[in-house]
N, C-alpha and C. Protein backbone atom coordinates (compact mmCIF):
# COMPACT_ATOMS: atom_id res chain seq x y z
N SER A 1 95.88 117.95 58.91
CA SER A 1 96.94 117.66 57.95
C SER A 1 97.82 116.54 58.47
N ILE A 2 98.67 115.99 57.58
CA ILE A 2 99.57 114.91 57.97
C ILE A 2 100.56 115.38 59.03
N VAL A 3 101.08 116.62 58.84
CA VAL A 3 102.05 117.16 59.80
C VAL A 3 101.42 117.31 61.17
N PHE A 4 100.19 117.86 61.19
CA PHE A 4 99.49 118.05 62.47
C PHE A 4 99.24 116.71 63.15
N GLN A 5 98.82 115.70 62.37
CA GLN A 5 98.57 114.38 62.94
C GLN A 5 99.84 113.80 63.54
N GLY A 6 100.96 114.03 62.85
CA GLY A 6 102.24 113.54 63.36
C GLY A 6 102.62 114.20 64.67
N ILE A 7 102.41 115.52 64.74
CA ILE A 7 102.72 116.27 65.97
C ILE A 7 101.83 115.80 67.11
N LEU A 8 100.52 115.61 66.81
CA LEU A 8 99.58 115.17 67.83
C LEU A 8 99.95 113.79 68.35
N LYS A 9 100.32 112.89 67.44
CA LYS A 9 100.71 111.55 67.84
C LYS A 9 101.93 111.58 68.74
N SER A 10 102.92 112.41 68.38
CA SER A 10 104.13 112.52 69.19
C SER A 10 103.82 113.07 70.57
N PHE A 11 102.91 114.08 70.61
CA PHE A 11 102.52 114.68 71.89
C PHE A 11 101.86 113.64 72.80
N LEU A 12 100.97 112.82 72.22
CA LEU A 12 100.28 111.81 73.01
C LEU A 12 101.25 110.76 73.54
N MET A 13 102.23 110.39 72.71
CA MET A 13 103.21 109.41 73.15
C MET A 13 104.06 109.95 74.30
N VAL A 14 104.49 111.21 74.17
CA VAL A 14 105.28 111.83 75.23
C VAL A 14 104.46 111.95 76.50
N SER A 15 103.19 112.34 76.36
CA SER A 15 102.31 112.47 77.53
C SER A 15 102.15 111.14 78.24
N ALA A 16 102.01 110.07 77.45
CA ALA A 16 101.87 108.74 78.05
C ALA A 16 103.12 108.35 78.82
N LEU A 17 104.29 108.67 78.27
CA LEU A 17 105.54 108.35 78.95
C LEU A 17 105.69 109.15 80.24
N VAL A 18 105.30 110.43 80.19
CA VAL A 18 105.35 111.26 81.40
C VAL A 18 104.43 110.70 82.47
N LEU A 19 103.21 110.32 82.07
CA LEU A 19 102.26 109.73 83.01
C LEU A 19 102.81 108.44 83.59
N LEU A 20 103.39 107.62 82.74
CA LEU A 20 103.96 106.35 83.18
C LEU A 20 105.04 106.57 84.22
N THR A 21 105.94 107.52 83.95
CA THR A 21 107.03 107.82 84.88
C THR A 21 106.48 108.33 86.21
N PHE A 22 105.46 109.18 86.13
CA PHE A 22 104.85 109.73 87.35
C PHE A 22 104.24 108.62 88.20
N LEU A 23 103.51 107.71 87.55
CA LEU A 23 102.86 106.64 88.28
C LEU A 23 103.87 105.72 88.94
N ILE A 24 104.94 105.41 88.21
CA ILE A 24 105.95 104.53 88.78
C ILE A 24 106.63 105.19 89.97
N SER A 25 106.99 106.48 89.82
CA SER A 25 107.71 107.17 90.88
C SER A 25 106.87 107.33 92.13
N ASN A 26 105.56 107.37 91.96
CA ASN A 26 104.68 107.55 93.11
C ASN A 26 104.14 106.24 93.66
N ASN A 27 104.51 105.11 93.00
CA ASN A 27 104.14 103.78 93.50
C ASN A 27 102.65 103.65 93.78
N GLN A 28 101.84 104.08 92.85
CA GLN A 28 100.41 103.97 93.03
C GLN A 28 99.97 102.53 92.81
N SER A 29 98.94 102.09 93.54
CA SER A 29 98.48 100.72 93.38
C SER A 29 96.98 100.56 93.47
N SER A 30 96.25 101.64 93.53
CA SER A 30 94.79 101.60 93.60
C SER A 30 94.28 100.68 94.70
N GLY A 31 95.00 100.61 95.82
CA GLY A 31 94.53 99.85 96.96
C GLY A 31 94.81 98.37 96.91
N LEU A 32 95.45 97.86 95.85
CA LEU A 32 95.71 96.44 95.73
C LEU A 32 97.13 96.13 96.18
N ASN A 33 97.28 95.66 97.43
CA ASN A 33 98.60 95.27 97.94
C ASN A 33 99.66 96.30 97.59
N SER A 34 99.59 97.47 98.18
CA SER A 34 100.44 98.59 97.79
C SER A 34 101.92 98.30 97.96
N THR A 35 102.27 97.32 98.78
CA THR A 35 103.68 97.00 98.94
C THR A 35 104.22 96.16 97.79
N LEU A 36 103.34 95.70 96.92
CA LEU A 36 103.78 94.78 95.86
C LEU A 36 103.55 95.29 94.45
N TYR A 37 102.59 96.19 94.26
CA TYR A 37 102.18 96.49 92.91
C TYR A 37 102.19 97.96 92.57
N VAL A 38 102.35 98.22 91.28
CA VAL A 38 102.19 99.58 90.78
C VAL A 38 101.36 99.50 89.51
N GLN A 39 100.32 100.31 89.45
CA GLN A 39 99.53 100.38 88.23
C GLN A 39 100.25 101.31 87.26
N LEU A 40 100.54 100.83 86.07
CA LEU A 40 101.31 101.64 85.13
C LEU A 40 100.45 102.69 84.46
N ALA A 41 99.41 102.27 83.79
CA ALA A 41 98.59 103.24 83.07
C ALA A 41 97.41 102.53 82.44
N SER A 42 96.43 103.29 82.02
CA SER A 42 95.35 102.76 81.22
C SER A 42 95.69 103.04 79.77
N ILE A 43 96.00 102.00 79.03
CA ILE A 43 96.46 102.16 77.66
C ILE A 43 95.55 101.37 76.73
N VAL A 44 95.00 102.02 75.75
CA VAL A 44 94.14 101.36 74.78
C VAL A 44 94.77 101.50 73.40
N VAL A 45 95.18 100.40 72.81
CA VAL A 45 95.79 100.39 71.49
C VAL A 45 95.16 99.28 70.67
N ARG A 46 94.46 99.64 69.60
CA ARG A 46 93.79 98.67 68.74
C ARG A 46 92.88 97.75 69.56
N GLY A 47 92.08 98.32 70.39
CA GLY A 47 91.31 97.51 71.32
C GLY A 47 92.09 97.41 72.61
N GLN A 48 91.42 97.18 73.69
CA GLN A 48 92.07 97.21 74.99
C GLN A 48 93.17 96.16 75.10
N CYS A 49 94.22 96.50 75.83
CA CYS A 49 95.39 95.65 76.07
C CYS A 49 96.17 95.34 74.80
N GLY A 50 95.96 96.13 73.75
CA GLY A 50 96.73 95.95 72.53
C GLY A 50 96.25 94.82 71.65
N LEU A 51 95.11 94.22 71.96
CA LEU A 51 94.58 93.16 71.11
C LEU A 51 94.00 93.76 69.83
N PRO A 52 93.97 93.00 68.74
CA PRO A 52 93.61 93.57 67.44
C PRO A 52 92.15 93.94 67.27
N GLU A 53 91.26 93.41 68.11
CA GLU A 53 89.84 93.66 67.95
C GLU A 53 89.24 94.17 69.26
N ALA A 54 88.13 94.87 69.14
CA ALA A 54 87.44 95.37 70.33
C ALA A 54 86.87 94.20 71.13
N CYS A 55 86.77 94.39 72.42
CA CYS A 55 86.27 93.34 73.30
C CYS A 55 84.77 93.15 73.09
N PRO A 56 84.31 91.90 72.95
CA PRO A 56 82.86 91.66 72.84
C PRO A 56 82.13 92.10 74.10
N LYS A 57 80.84 92.31 73.98
CA LYS A 57 80.04 92.69 75.14
C LYS A 57 80.06 91.59 76.18
N GLU A 58 80.01 92.01 77.44
CA GLU A 58 80.00 91.10 78.58
C GLU A 58 81.23 90.19 78.61
N HIS A 59 82.35 90.72 78.17
CA HIS A 59 83.63 90.02 78.23
C HIS A 59 84.67 90.94 78.85
N VAL A 60 85.72 90.37 79.36
CA VAL A 60 86.88 91.10 79.87
C VAL A 60 88.06 90.83 78.95
N THR A 61 88.75 91.89 78.55
CA THR A 61 89.96 91.74 77.74
C THR A 61 91.15 91.50 78.65
N PHE A 62 92.01 90.57 78.25
CA PHE A 62 93.23 90.36 79.02
C PHE A 62 94.40 90.08 78.09
N LYS A 63 95.57 90.46 78.54
CA LYS A 63 96.83 90.09 77.89
C LYS A 63 97.88 89.98 78.98
N MET A 64 98.67 88.93 78.93
CA MET A 64 99.60 88.69 80.02
C MET A 64 100.90 88.09 79.48
N SER A 65 101.97 88.30 80.24
CA SER A 65 103.26 87.72 79.88
C SER A 65 103.97 87.24 81.14
N SER A 66 104.72 86.17 80.99
CA SER A 66 105.53 85.69 82.10
C SER A 66 106.75 86.58 82.25
N GLY A 67 107.54 86.33 83.26
CA GLY A 67 108.80 87.03 83.38
C GLY A 67 109.80 86.50 82.36
N ALA A 68 110.92 87.20 82.24
CA ALA A 68 112.00 86.76 81.37
C ALA A 68 113.29 86.77 82.17
N THR A 69 113.95 85.64 82.28
CA THR A 69 115.12 85.43 83.13
C THR A 69 114.80 85.90 84.55
N ASN A 70 115.79 86.48 85.23
CA ASN A 70 115.54 87.03 86.56
C ASN A 70 115.61 88.55 86.54
N VAL A 71 115.33 89.12 85.37
CA VAL A 71 115.43 90.56 85.18
C VAL A 71 114.07 91.20 84.96
N ILE A 72 113.27 90.64 84.08
CA ILE A 72 111.97 91.22 83.72
C ILE A 72 110.87 90.47 84.44
N GLY A 73 110.04 91.20 85.16
CA GLY A 73 108.94 90.59 85.90
C GLY A 73 107.74 90.34 85.02
N PRO A 74 106.76 89.61 85.53
CA PRO A 74 105.54 89.32 84.78
C PRO A 74 104.65 90.55 84.65
N LYS A 75 103.75 90.50 83.68
CA LYS A 75 102.86 91.64 83.43
C LYS A 75 101.49 91.12 83.05
N ILE A 76 100.46 91.78 83.55
CA ILE A 76 99.09 91.41 83.21
C ILE A 76 98.30 92.68 82.89
N CYS A 77 97.60 92.66 81.77
CA CYS A 77 96.72 93.76 81.39
C CYS A 77 95.28 93.26 81.46
N ILE A 78 94.42 94.03 82.11
CA ILE A 78 93.00 93.71 82.19
C ILE A 78 92.21 94.94 81.78
N ASP A 79 91.46 94.80 80.69
CA ASP A 79 90.63 95.89 80.18
C ASP A 79 91.40 97.20 80.05
N GLY A 80 92.60 97.13 79.51
CA GLY A 80 93.38 98.33 79.22
C GLY A 80 94.26 98.80 80.35
N GLU A 81 94.10 98.24 81.54
CA GLU A 81 94.96 98.61 82.67
C GLU A 81 96.10 97.60 82.78
N ILE A 82 97.32 98.12 82.71
CA ILE A 82 98.49 97.26 82.76
C ILE A 82 99.07 97.26 84.17
N TRP A 83 99.30 96.07 84.68
CA TRP A 83 99.84 95.92 86.02
C TRP A 83 101.13 95.13 85.97
N ILE A 84 102.14 95.57 86.70
CA ILE A 84 103.37 94.81 86.83
C ILE A 84 103.75 94.77 88.30
N GLU A 85 104.66 93.86 88.60
CA GLU A 85 105.19 93.78 89.95
C GLU A 85 106.25 94.85 90.12
N LYS A 86 106.24 95.54 91.23
CA LYS A 86 107.28 96.53 91.47
C LYS A 86 108.31 95.97 92.44
N LYS A 87 109.49 96.54 92.44
CA LYS A 87 110.56 96.02 93.28
C LYS A 87 110.24 96.20 94.76
N GLY A 88 110.61 95.22 95.53
CA GLY A 88 110.44 95.31 96.97
C GLY A 88 111.69 95.88 97.61
N GLY A 89 111.99 95.47 98.83
CA GLY A 89 113.15 95.99 99.53
C GLY A 89 114.45 95.45 98.96
N GLN A 90 115.54 95.95 99.48
CA GLN A 90 116.86 95.55 99.00
C GLN A 90 117.04 94.04 99.15
N GLY A 91 117.56 93.42 98.11
CA GLY A 91 117.79 91.99 98.15
C GLY A 91 116.63 91.16 97.67
N ILE A 92 115.47 91.77 97.45
CA ILE A 92 114.31 91.03 96.94
C ILE A 92 114.31 91.11 95.42
N ASN A 93 114.39 89.97 94.78
CA ASN A 93 114.40 89.91 93.32
C ASN A 93 112.97 89.85 92.82
N ILE A 94 112.56 90.79 92.00
CA ILE A 94 111.17 90.82 91.55
C ILE A 94 110.82 89.60 90.72
N ALA A 95 111.81 88.88 90.23
CA ALA A 95 111.53 87.72 89.39
C ALA A 95 111.28 86.45 90.17
N ASP A 96 111.35 86.51 91.49
CA ASP A 96 111.16 85.31 92.30
C ASP A 96 109.72 85.13 92.76
N PHE A 97 108.79 85.68 92.02
CA PHE A 97 107.41 85.68 92.50
C PHE A 97 106.43 85.04 91.51
N PHE A 98 105.41 84.40 92.08
CA PHE A 98 104.18 84.19 91.34
C PHE A 98 103.48 85.54 91.26
N PHE A 99 102.60 85.67 90.31
CA PHE A 99 101.88 86.94 90.13
C PHE A 99 100.42 86.61 89.87
N PHE A 100 99.52 87.04 90.73
CA PHE A 100 98.12 86.64 90.63
C PHE A 100 97.19 87.83 90.44
N PHE A 101 96.17 87.62 89.66
CA PHE A 101 95.06 88.56 89.62
C PHE A 101 93.76 87.76 89.65
N ILE A 102 92.79 88.29 90.38
CA ILE A 102 91.49 87.64 90.47
C ILE A 102 90.42 88.67 90.19
N PHE A 103 89.42 88.29 89.42
CA PHE A 103 88.28 89.19 89.28
C PHE A 103 87.01 88.36 89.28
N LEU A 104 85.94 88.95 89.76
CA LEU A 104 84.68 88.23 89.90
C LEU A 104 84.11 87.82 88.55
N GLY A 105 83.65 86.59 88.47
CA GLY A 105 83.06 86.11 87.23
C GLY A 105 81.79 86.83 86.85
N GLN A 106 81.00 87.25 87.83
CA GLN A 106 79.72 87.88 87.53
C GLN A 106 79.87 89.30 87.01
N THR A 107 80.91 90.00 87.43
CA THR A 107 81.02 91.42 87.10
C THR A 107 82.26 91.78 86.30
N GLY A 108 83.25 90.93 86.31
CA GLY A 108 84.50 91.24 85.63
C GLY A 108 85.36 92.23 86.40
N LYS A 109 84.99 92.56 87.63
CA LYS A 109 85.72 93.55 88.41
C LYS A 109 86.92 92.92 89.09
N LEU A 110 88.07 93.58 88.99
CA LEU A 110 89.28 93.13 89.67
C LEU A 110 89.10 93.29 91.18
N ILE A 111 89.30 92.21 91.94
CA ILE A 111 89.04 92.30 93.38
C ILE A 111 90.24 91.99 94.26
N SER A 112 91.25 91.32 93.73
CA SER A 112 92.36 90.97 94.60
C SER A 112 93.61 90.66 93.79
N ALA A 113 94.78 90.91 94.38
CA ALA A 113 96.05 90.61 93.73
C ALA A 113 97.07 90.26 94.80
N ALA A 114 97.99 89.37 94.47
CA ALA A 114 99.01 88.99 95.43
C ALA A 114 100.21 88.39 94.72
N ALA A 115 101.36 88.40 95.37
CA ALA A 115 102.57 87.80 94.82
C ALA A 115 103.21 86.94 95.89
N PHE A 116 103.86 85.86 95.47
CA PHE A 116 104.44 84.92 96.42
C PHE A 116 105.81 84.47 95.94
N ASP A 117 106.77 84.50 96.86
CA ASP A 117 108.13 84.09 96.57
C ASP A 117 108.22 82.57 96.68
N MET A 118 108.39 81.91 95.54
CA MET A 118 108.46 80.46 95.53
C MET A 118 109.89 79.93 95.45
N TRP A 119 110.86 80.81 95.61
CA TRP A 119 112.26 80.39 95.65
C TRP A 119 112.77 80.29 97.09
N SER A 120 112.58 81.35 97.85
CA SER A 120 113.08 81.36 99.23
C SER A 120 112.00 81.66 100.25
N GLY A 121 110.76 81.80 99.78
CA GLY A 121 109.67 82.16 100.68
C GLY A 121 108.96 80.94 101.26
N ASP A 122 107.78 81.19 101.82
CA ASP A 122 106.96 80.16 102.46
C ASP A 122 105.75 79.90 101.59
N VAL A 123 105.39 78.65 101.38
CA VAL A 123 104.26 78.32 100.53
C VAL A 123 102.92 78.53 101.24
N GLU A 124 102.91 78.60 102.58
CA GLU A 124 101.65 78.70 103.31
C GLU A 124 100.82 79.93 102.94
N PRO A 125 101.42 81.13 102.80
CA PRO A 125 100.61 82.28 102.38
C PRO A 125 99.94 82.05 101.02
N LEU A 126 100.63 81.37 100.11
CA LEU A 126 100.03 81.05 98.82
C LEU A 126 98.82 80.13 99.00
N ILE A 127 98.97 79.12 99.83
CA ILE A 127 97.86 78.20 100.08
C ILE A 127 96.67 78.92 100.68
N GLU A 128 96.92 79.78 101.66
CA GLU A 128 95.83 80.53 102.28
C GLU A 128 95.15 81.45 101.27
N PHE A 129 95.94 82.05 100.40
CA PHE A 129 95.38 82.92 99.37
C PHE A 129 94.48 82.13 98.43
N LEU A 130 94.94 80.97 98.00
CA LEU A 130 94.15 80.13 97.09
C LEU A 130 92.83 79.70 97.73
N LYS A 131 92.84 79.50 99.03
CA LYS A 131 91.63 79.08 99.72
C LYS A 131 90.59 80.19 99.83
N THR A 132 91.00 81.43 99.61
CA THR A 132 90.04 82.55 99.68
C THR A 132 89.30 82.77 98.37
N ILE A 133 89.72 82.10 97.31
CA ILE A 133 89.07 82.30 96.01
C ILE A 133 87.65 81.76 96.06
N LYS A 134 86.69 82.57 95.69
CA LYS A 134 85.28 82.21 95.80
C LYS A 134 84.74 81.69 94.47
N ASP A 135 83.68 80.90 94.55
CA ASP A 135 83.01 80.42 93.34
C ASP A 135 82.57 81.61 92.48
N GLY A 136 82.69 81.45 91.18
CA GLY A 136 82.32 82.52 90.26
C GLY A 136 83.47 83.45 89.93
N SER A 137 84.66 83.17 90.48
CA SER A 137 85.82 84.04 90.22
C SER A 137 86.71 83.44 89.15
N PHE A 138 87.24 84.31 88.30
CA PHE A 138 88.29 83.93 87.36
C PHE A 138 89.64 84.25 87.99
N VAL A 139 90.65 83.49 87.62
CA VAL A 139 91.99 83.68 88.16
C VAL A 139 92.99 83.75 87.02
N LEU A 140 93.87 84.76 87.05
CA LEU A 140 94.96 84.87 86.09
C LEU A 140 96.27 84.74 86.84
N MET A 141 97.16 83.87 86.37
CA MET A 141 98.43 83.63 87.04
C MET A 141 99.57 83.67 86.03
N ALA A 142 100.68 84.25 86.42
CA ALA A 142 101.87 84.28 85.57
C ALA A 142 103.10 84.05 86.42
N SER A 143 104.03 83.26 85.93
CA SER A 143 105.23 82.95 86.68
C SER A 143 106.39 83.83 86.25
N SER A 144 107.43 83.82 87.08
CA SER A 144 108.64 84.54 86.73
C SER A 144 109.82 83.92 87.48
N ASP A 145 110.93 83.76 86.79
CA ASP A 145 112.15 83.15 87.32
C ASP A 145 111.88 81.74 87.82
N ASP A 146 111.60 81.55 89.11
CA ASP A 146 111.36 80.20 89.63
C ASP A 146 110.02 80.13 90.36
N PRO A 147 109.00 79.53 89.75
CA PRO A 147 107.70 79.44 90.39
C PRO A 147 107.45 78.13 91.13
N ALA A 148 108.43 77.23 91.21
CA ALA A 148 108.10 75.87 91.63
C ALA A 148 108.85 75.33 92.85
N THR A 149 109.97 75.90 93.23
CA THR A 149 110.81 75.28 94.26
C THR A 149 110.06 75.04 95.57
N ARG A 150 109.24 76.00 96.00
CA ARG A 150 108.54 75.87 97.28
C ARG A 150 107.14 75.28 97.15
N LEU A 151 106.69 75.01 95.95
CA LEU A 151 105.35 74.45 95.78
C LEU A 151 105.27 73.07 96.43
N ASN A 152 104.17 72.79 97.11
CA ASN A 152 103.95 71.45 97.64
C ASN A 152 102.68 70.86 97.04
N ASP A 153 102.34 69.65 97.43
CA ASP A 153 101.19 68.96 96.84
C ASP A 153 99.89 69.70 97.08
N GLU A 154 99.74 70.30 98.26
CA GLU A 154 98.49 71.00 98.57
C GLU A 154 98.30 72.20 97.66
N ALA A 155 99.34 72.99 97.47
CA ALA A 155 99.24 74.15 96.60
C ALA A 155 98.97 73.73 95.16
N ARG A 156 99.65 72.70 94.70
CA ARG A 156 99.44 72.22 93.33
C ARG A 156 98.01 71.72 93.15
N THR A 157 97.48 71.03 94.16
CA THR A 157 96.11 70.51 94.07
C THR A 157 95.10 71.65 93.99
N LEU A 158 95.29 72.68 94.80
CA LEU A 158 94.37 73.82 94.79
C LEU A 158 94.36 74.51 93.43
N ILE A 159 95.53 74.63 92.80
CA ILE A 159 95.60 75.27 91.48
C ILE A 159 95.05 74.33 90.41
N THR A 160 95.25 73.03 90.57
CA THR A 160 94.65 72.06 89.65
C THR A 160 93.13 72.17 89.68
N GLU A 161 92.57 72.39 90.87
CA GLU A 161 91.11 72.52 91.01
C GLU A 161 90.57 73.77 90.31
N LEU A 162 91.45 74.73 90.02
CA LEU A 162 91.05 75.92 89.26
C LEU A 162 91.08 75.66 87.76
N GLY A 163 91.59 74.48 87.37
CA GLY A 163 91.58 74.11 85.96
C GLY A 163 92.94 73.91 85.32
N SER A 164 94.02 74.06 86.08
CA SER A 164 95.35 73.95 85.49
C SER A 164 95.71 72.50 85.18
N SER A 165 96.29 72.29 84.01
CA SER A 165 96.78 70.97 83.61
C SER A 165 98.28 70.83 83.81
N TYR A 166 98.98 71.97 83.92
CA TYR A 166 100.44 71.94 83.96
C TYR A 166 101.03 72.16 85.34
N ILE A 167 100.22 72.62 86.30
CA ILE A 167 100.79 72.94 87.61
C ILE A 167 101.41 71.71 88.27
N SER A 168 100.90 70.53 87.95
CA SER A 168 101.42 69.29 88.55
C SER A 168 102.82 68.95 88.06
N VAL A 169 103.21 69.50 86.90
CA VAL A 169 104.53 69.21 86.34
C VAL A 169 105.42 70.45 86.30
N LEU A 170 104.96 71.54 86.91
CA LEU A 170 105.75 72.78 86.91
C LEU A 170 107.02 72.58 87.74
N GLU A 171 108.16 72.93 87.16
CA GLU A 171 109.45 72.69 87.80
C GLU A 171 110.28 73.96 87.85
N PHE A 172 111.48 73.83 88.39
CA PHE A 172 112.41 74.94 88.56
C PHE A 172 112.61 75.72 87.26
N ARG A 173 112.36 77.02 87.33
CA ARG A 173 112.54 77.96 86.23
C ARG A 173 111.76 77.62 84.97
N ASN A 174 110.66 76.91 85.12
CA ASN A 174 109.71 76.80 84.01
C ASN A 174 108.98 78.13 83.88
N ASN A 175 108.49 78.44 82.68
CA ASN A 175 107.60 79.58 82.50
C ASN A 175 106.18 79.06 82.31
N TRP A 176 105.21 79.84 82.84
CA TRP A 176 103.84 79.32 82.90
C TRP A 176 102.86 80.48 82.96
N LEU A 177 101.79 80.38 82.17
CA LEU A 177 100.67 81.32 82.20
C LEU A 177 99.38 80.52 82.33
N PHE A 178 98.43 81.07 83.09
CA PHE A 178 97.20 80.31 83.33
C PHE A 178 96.03 81.25 83.56
N VAL A 179 94.92 80.94 82.91
CA VAL A 179 93.64 81.61 83.17
C VAL A 179 92.62 80.52 83.46
N GLY A 180 92.10 80.51 84.66
CA GLY A 180 91.12 79.51 85.05
C GLY A 180 90.07 80.12 85.95
N GLY A 181 89.41 79.30 86.73
CA GLY A 181 88.39 79.84 87.60
C GLY A 181 87.86 78.80 88.57
N LYS A 182 87.08 79.27 89.50
CA LYS A 182 86.47 78.39 90.50
C LYS A 182 84.96 78.41 90.34
N GLY A 183 84.38 77.24 90.15
CA GLY A 183 82.94 77.16 89.99
C GLY A 183 82.45 77.74 88.68
N ILE A 184 83.33 77.82 87.68
CA ILE A 184 82.96 78.34 86.36
C ILE A 184 82.72 77.16 85.43
N LYS A 185 81.51 77.02 84.94
CA LYS A 185 81.16 75.86 84.12
C LYS A 185 81.27 76.18 82.63
N ASN A 186 81.59 75.15 81.88
CA ASN A 186 81.59 75.21 80.40
C ASN A 186 82.54 76.25 79.83
N ILE A 187 83.58 76.60 80.56
CA ILE A 187 84.61 77.50 80.05
C ILE A 187 85.96 76.79 80.18
N LYS A 188 86.60 76.58 79.06
CA LYS A 188 87.87 75.86 79.06
C LYS A 188 88.99 76.77 79.54
N PRO A 189 89.76 76.34 80.53
CA PRO A 189 90.90 77.15 80.99
C PRO A 189 91.91 77.36 79.86
N LEU A 190 92.64 78.47 79.95
CA LEU A 190 93.69 78.79 78.98
C LEU A 190 95.03 78.65 79.69
N GLU A 191 96.01 78.05 79.01
CA GLU A 191 97.26 77.77 79.70
C GLU A 191 98.41 77.60 78.72
N GLN A 192 99.58 78.10 79.11
CA GLN A 192 100.81 77.88 78.36
C GLN A 192 101.91 77.49 79.34
N HIS A 193 102.81 76.63 78.87
CA HIS A 193 103.88 76.14 79.74
C HIS A 193 105.10 75.83 78.89
N ILE A 194 106.26 76.21 79.36
CA ILE A 194 107.51 75.86 78.69
C ILE A 194 108.54 75.46 79.74
N LYS A 195 109.19 74.34 79.48
CA LYS A 195 110.15 73.80 80.45
C LYS A 195 111.50 74.50 80.36
N ASN A 196 112.20 74.47 81.46
CA ASN A 196 113.58 74.95 81.52
C ASN A 196 114.49 73.82 81.03
N ASP A 197 115.05 74.00 79.84
CA ASP A 197 115.91 72.98 79.24
C ASP A 197 117.06 73.70 78.54
N LYS A 198 118.26 73.57 79.06
CA LYS A 198 119.40 74.31 78.52
C LYS A 198 119.62 74.07 77.04
N ALA A 199 119.22 72.91 76.57
CA ALA A 199 119.41 72.59 75.15
C ALA A 199 118.51 73.43 74.26
N PHE A 200 117.41 73.94 74.82
CA PHE A 200 116.44 74.69 74.03
C PHE A 200 116.15 76.08 74.59
N ASN A 201 116.68 76.42 75.76
CA ASN A 201 116.41 77.72 76.38
C ASN A 201 116.83 78.87 75.47
N LYS A 202 116.06 79.94 75.54
CA LYS A 202 116.40 81.15 74.78
C LYS A 202 117.42 81.98 75.53
N TYR A 203 117.39 81.94 76.86
CA TYR A 203 118.25 82.78 77.68
C TYR A 203 119.17 81.95 78.57
N ASP A 204 119.88 81.00 78.00
CA ASP A 204 120.85 80.18 78.73
C ASP A 204 120.16 79.37 79.83
N ASP A 205 120.03 79.95 81.03
CA ASP A 205 119.45 79.22 82.16
C ASP A 205 117.94 79.39 82.28
N TRP A 206 117.32 80.12 81.36
CA TRP A 206 115.89 80.36 81.41
C TRP A 206 115.25 80.15 80.04
N PRO A 207 114.02 79.66 79.99
CA PRO A 207 113.31 79.56 78.72
C PRO A 207 112.78 80.92 78.28
N GLU A 208 112.21 80.97 77.09
CA GLU A 208 111.71 82.23 76.56
C GLU A 208 110.46 82.70 77.30
N MET A 209 110.19 83.99 77.19
CA MET A 209 108.99 84.58 77.77
C MET A 209 107.75 84.03 77.06
N LEU A 210 106.68 83.84 77.82
CA LEU A 210 105.40 83.43 77.26
C LEU A 210 104.44 84.60 77.24
N GLU A 211 103.56 84.65 76.24
CA GLU A 211 102.54 85.68 76.14
C GLU A 211 101.21 85.04 75.76
N MET A 212 100.13 85.63 76.26
CA MET A 212 98.81 85.09 75.98
C MET A 212 97.79 86.21 76.15
N GLY A 213 96.77 86.22 75.32
CA GLY A 213 95.73 87.25 75.43
C GLY A 213 94.42 86.76 74.86
N GLY A 214 93.34 87.47 75.18
CA GLY A 214 92.04 87.10 74.66
C GLY A 214 90.92 87.79 75.40
N TYR A 215 89.75 87.16 75.37
CA TYR A 215 88.54 87.74 75.94
C TYR A 215 87.85 86.69 76.81
N ILE A 216 87.49 87.08 78.01
CA ILE A 216 86.87 86.16 78.96
C ILE A 216 85.46 86.65 79.27
N PRO A 217 84.45 85.79 79.13
CA PRO A 217 83.08 86.20 79.48
C PRO A 217 82.94 86.40 80.98
N TYR A 218 82.07 87.32 81.38
CA TYR A 218 81.88 87.57 82.80
C TYR A 218 81.45 86.30 83.52
N SER A 219 80.53 85.56 82.93
CA SER A 219 80.05 84.34 83.56
C SER A 219 79.35 83.48 82.52
N LYS A 220 79.26 82.19 82.82
CA LYS A 220 78.57 81.26 81.94
C LYS A 220 78.03 80.13 82.79
N ASP A 221 76.78 79.82 82.59
CA ASP A 221 76.16 78.74 83.38
C ASP A 221 76.57 77.38 82.84
């Protein structure tokens, strides 16, 4: 009946919220950089990651968003699993980080994740991380707050080699989303970029949040 369906829907929503709270409080990360990440939940709504259609065969579903101001961190969903950056120690602003996810092109399996402070941190760990990316891997990147202050030419070049067109012009408090890869042929990278411009910013000193989603094939020759 309609009443029963309504009760069931409410129960499922409450259960999801309880699960979400439990996962956050326990800081679970499924082995991926446990000091940086928390897996929120596996949520499937109108197709994985909230996209309107089911994922085609041999594709990975993704949906991602940049951070918003210095309050909301970036978020990436891969095949229904939503990942966000969790707060670090006292004084660490979660919005001062790049946010990376990598999964193998051949299998679509998530294999590595990392975050880097580009406001007050060191760019060398980012460079070393980029150098570990293997051929056949797809890379998803999302910025938050300030992704550019510590970037140098070497880091920008390495990200350009993954297919980015905007990393060379990324500046202070720009917002940026990128899906690219290494050694992936005949697949056009996906990218969004918005500049920090007080005349057009949505949040005074920050531009609006960016969102992007779609389906990525495991591999293509």
